[in-house]
Amino acid sequence: MGEVVYLTGSPASGKSSLCELLEASIAGLQAYSYSKLLRDYLNRRRDNNIDEAGIRQHSARVVTRADVDAVDRWLIGEVQVRRSERHLVIDSHPVTKERYGFRVTPFTVEQLRALNPDVIVCLYIDPAETKSRIAKDAAGRPLPSDFEIGMHAELQAALAIQYAMLLGIPCYLLDSSVARAELVTKLCDVAGIS
């Protein structure tokens, strides 16, 4: 059986880059980018061509709870089948910055139990680095205030810890400002992936 890692963290904390490195470094490991799954679902369902930047930019105006539930159901089924074959990493961020504040679209308790991750990993970085990364490459993200950056990171970490508590599994918070190779090693160590 492979390990299932639920990977989360605030925007620009390096989740997508880490997943790419993990897939390149660990034979057979498969990463699922929730934002890409959601993009693909929306484009199939609505017969349009929205990209991840468009989803980030318009978020709650284009993504409904029903959309999230549909992607959640697909992902849970996929993980249940694939976990016997390989290590899986799920890159997700259920806390989103919206024009009115923040929205949290979490797994339900039943969905979380069906997903059944082995470990929760939440990435964090210094708020100044978050702001710098978003300013350099917004990728559809609004440039948040310093307070919003901190609030977003805290909300994401709180949800990660709550998931871990509900499941009785460990939650690790990893500083993603370290060198990428070091971050890969740290994640593999805490998740038991070799």
Protein backbone atom coordinates (compact mmCIF):
# COMPACT_ATOMS: atom_id res chain seq x y z
CA MET A 1 0.00 0.00 0.00
CA GLY A 2 1.18 3.49 -0.79
CA GLU A 3 1.03 6.41 1.57
CA VAL A 4 -1.65 9.04 0.96
CA VAL A 5 -0.51 12.55 1.82
CA TYR A 6 -2.99 15.41 2.01
CA LEU A 7 -0.84 18.47 1.21
CA THR A 8 -2.14 21.93 1.88
CA GLY A 9 -0.93 25.41 2.68
CA SER A 10 -1.54 29.02 1.91
CA PRO A 11 -1.21 30.45 -1.61
CA ALA A 12 2.31 30.63 -3.03
CA SER A 13 3.68 28.31 -0.34
CA GLY A 14 5.07 25.99 -3.03
CA LYS A 15 2.57 23.11 -3.07
CA SER A 16 2.51 22.70 -6.85
CA SER A 17 6.29 22.96 -7.19
CA LEU A 18 6.75 20.42 -4.40
CA CYS A 19 4.35 18.00 -6.09
CA GLU A 20 6.25 18.29 -9.37
CA LEU A 21 9.53 17.55 -7.58
CA LEU A 22 8.02 14.61 -5.70
CA GLU A 23 6.73 13.08 -8.93
CA ALA A 24 10.16 13.55 -10.52
CA SER A 25 12.02 12.16 -7.49
CA ILE A 26 9.87 9.23 -6.30
CA ALA A 27 9.23 6.46 -8.81
CA GLY A 28 5.51 5.76 -9.15
CA LEU A 29 4.36 8.61 -6.91
CA GLN A 30 1.30 10.40 -8.27
CA ALA A 31 0.22 13.89 -7.29
CA TYR A 32 -3.27 15.29 -7.76
CA SER A 33 -3.59 19.05 -8.08
CA TYR A 34 -7.05 19.97 -6.84
CA SER A 35 -7.06 23.22 -8.79
CA LYS A 36 -6.31 21.35 -12.04
CA LEU A 37 -8.98 18.74 -11.29
CA LEU A 38 -11.47 21.53 -10.62
CA ARG A 39 -10.47 23.38 -13.79
CA ASP A 40 -10.92 20.25 -15.89
CA TYR A 41 -14.28 19.51 -14.28
CA LEU A 42 -15.58 23.04 -14.83
CA ASN A 43 -14.45 23.04 -18.46
CA ARG A 44 -16.16 19.70 -19.14
CA ARG A 45 -19.33 20.64 -17.27
CA ARG A 46 -19.76 24.13 -18.64
CA ASP A 47 -18.13 23.64 -22.02
CA ASN A 48 -15.91 26.66 -21.56
CA ASN A 49 -12.22 27.31 -21.28
CA ILE A 50 -11.35 28.66 -17.85
CA ASP A 51 -7.78 28.24 -16.62
CA GLU A 52 -6.48 27.98 -13.07
CA ALA A 53 -5.71 31.72 -13.01
CA GLY A 54 -9.32 32.42 -13.96
CA ILE A 55 -10.58 30.16 -11.20
CA ARG A 56 -8.33 31.93 -8.69
CA GLN A 57 -9.38 35.34 -9.94
CA HIS A 58 -13.13 34.67 -9.90
CA SER A 59 -13.23 31.79 -7.37
CA ALA A 60 -16.62 31.79 -5.61
CA ARG A 61 -18.27 33.40 -8.65
CA VAL A 62 -17.41 30.39 -10.84
CA VAL A 63 -16.98 27.51 -8.36
CA THR A 64 -19.99 26.25 -6.43
CA ARG A 65 -20.17 23.82 -3.52
CA ALA A 66 -21.74 21.32 -5.96
CA ASP A 67 -18.68 21.64 -8.22
CA VAL A 68 -16.37 20.99 -5.26
CA ASP A 69 -18.48 18.01 -4.14
CA ALA A 70 -18.33 16.47 -7.63
CA VAL A 71 -14.53 16.78 -7.74
CA ASP A 72 -14.30 15.46 -4.16
CA ARG A 73 -16.31 12.35 -5.10
CA TRP A 74 -14.12 11.66 -8.13
CA LEU A 75 -10.92 12.20 -6.15
CA ILE A 76 -12.04 9.92 -3.31
CA GLY A 77 -12.85 7.13 -5.78
CA GLU A 78 -9.51 7.59 -7.54
CA VAL A 79 -7.56 7.51 -4.27
CA GLN A 80 -9.41 4.42 -3.05
CA VAL A 81 -8.38 2.56 -6.21
CA ARG A 82 -4.82 3.89 -6.63
CA ARG A 83 -3.61 3.79 -3.01
CA SER A 84 -2.89 0.07 -3.31
CA GLU A 85 -0.55 0.76 -6.25
CA ARG A 86 1.51 3.82 -5.34
CA HIS A 87 2.13 6.79 -3.07
CA LEU A 88 -0.37 9.59 -3.62
CA VAL A 89 -0.17 13.28 -2.81
CA ILE A 90 -3.26 15.48 -2.91
CA ASP A 91 -2.42 19.18 -3.37
CA SER A 92 -5.44 21.07 -2.09
CA HIS A 93 -6.30 24.42 -0.56
CA PRO A 94 -9.91 24.63 0.62
CA VAL A 95 -9.46 28.15 2.00
CA THR A 96 -9.77 30.77 -0.73
CA LYS A 97 -9.44 34.54 -0.66
CA GLU A 98 -12.60 36.09 -2.05
CA ARG A 99 -13.62 39.66 -2.77
CA TYR A 100 -15.76 39.61 0.41
CA GLY A 101 -13.18 37.89 2.67
CA PHE A 102 -12.43 34.17 2.85
CA ARG A 103 -14.34 31.06 1.88
CA VAL A 104 -13.67 27.60 3.31
CA THR A 105 -14.96 24.70 1.23
CA PRO A 106 -13.75 21.66 3.19
CA PHE A 107 -14.35 17.96 2.82
CA THR A 108 -17.32 16.77 4.84
CA VAL A 109 -16.43 14.43 7.69
CA GLU A 110 -17.74 11.49 5.64
CA GLN A 111 -15.69 12.51 2.60
CA LEU A 112 -12.59 12.97 4.71
CA ARG A 113 -12.98 9.50 6.21
CA ALA A 114 -13.54 8.00 2.74
CA LEU A 115 -10.41 9.75 1.44
CA ASN A 116 -8.55 8.32 4.43
CA PRO A 117 -5.17 10.07 4.14
CA ASP A 118 -2.28 8.70 6.18
CA VAL A 119 -0.82 12.11 7.02
CA ILE A 120 -1.65 15.80 6.66
CA VAL A 121 1.14 18.18 5.64
CA CYS A 122 0.64 21.95 5.69
CA LEU A 123 3.25 24.22 4.12
CA TYR A 124 3.94 27.69 5.42
CA ILE A 125 6.29 30.53 4.57
CA ASP A 126 7.05 33.97 5.94
CA PRO A 127 4.23 36.38 4.99
CA ALA A 128 6.72 38.74 3.32
CA GLU A 129 7.81 35.87 1.05
CA THR A 130 4.17 35.08 0.24
CA LYS A 131 3.60 38.67 -0.79
CA SER A 132 6.77 38.72 -2.86
CA ARG A 133 5.87 35.48 -4.67
CA ILE A 134 2.34 36.66 -5.47
CA ALA A 135 3.62 40.06 -6.65
CA LYS A 136 6.11 38.33 -9.00
CA ASP A 137 3.57 35.84 -10.39
CA ALA A 138 -0.03 36.43 -9.34
CA ALA A 139 -1.39 33.58 -11.50
CA GLY A 140 -4.87 35.01 -10.96
CA ARG A 141 -4.44 35.53 -7.21
CA PRO A 142 -5.38 38.91 -5.79
CA LEU A 143 -2.53 40.64 -3.96
CA PRO A 144 -3.58 40.38 -0.32
CA SER A 145 -2.75 42.69 2.55
CA ASP A 146 -0.27 41.59 5.19
CA PHE A 147 -3.16 40.85 7.55
CA GLU A 148 -4.95 38.76 4.90
CA ILE A 149 -1.78 36.76 4.21
CA GLY A 150 -1.45 35.88 7.88
CA MET A 151 -5.16 35.15 8.23
CA HIS A 152 -5.11 32.88 5.16
CA ALA A 153 -2.14 30.90 6.45
CA GLU A 154 -3.71 30.54 9.90
CA LEU A 155 -7.07 29.41 8.51
CA GLN A 156 -5.38 26.84 6.26
CA ALA A 157 -3.28 25.49 9.13
CA ALA A 158 -6.30 25.36 11.44
CA LEU A 159 -8.26 23.33 8.90
CA ALA A 160 -5.30 20.95 8.39
CA ILE A 161 -5.07 20.40 12.13
CA GLN A 162 -8.83 19.86 12.36
CA TYR A 163 -8.68 17.25 9.58
CA ALA A 164 -5.89 15.45 11.43
CA MET A 165 -7.79 15.54 14.71
CA LEU A 166 -10.96 14.16 13.10
CA LEU A 167 -9.00 11.29 11.57
CA GLY A 168 -6.59 10.67 14.44
CA ILE A 169 -3.56 11.06 12.17
CA PRO A 170 -0.49 13.29 12.38
CA CYS A 171 -0.34 16.77 10.94
CA TYR A 172 3.02 18.30 10.08
CA LEU A 173 3.60 21.98 9.37
CA LEU A 174 6.67 22.42 7.18
CA ASP A 175 8.52 25.64 6.42
CA SER A 176 8.62 25.72 2.62
CA SER A 177 11.21 28.49 2.40
CA VAL A 178 13.99 25.89 2.57
CA ALA A 179 15.69 24.53 -0.55
CA ARG A 180 13.32 22.41 -2.64
CA ALA A 181 15.42 19.25 -2.29
CA GLU A 182 15.39 19.67 1.49
CA LEU A 183 11.61 20.13 1.46
CA VAL A 184 11.17 16.94 -0.58
CA THR A 185 13.30 15.07 1.97
CA LYS A 186 11.34 16.50 4.91
CA LEU A 187 7.97 15.59 3.39
CA CYS A 188 9.15 12.08 2.55
CA ASP A 189 10.47 11.64 6.09
CA VAL A 190 7.25 12.71 7.82
CA ALA A 191 5.06 10.78 5.38
CA GLY A 192 7.11 7.58 5.40
CA ILE A 193 7.74 7.70 1.66
CA SER A 194 10.96 6.24 0.28
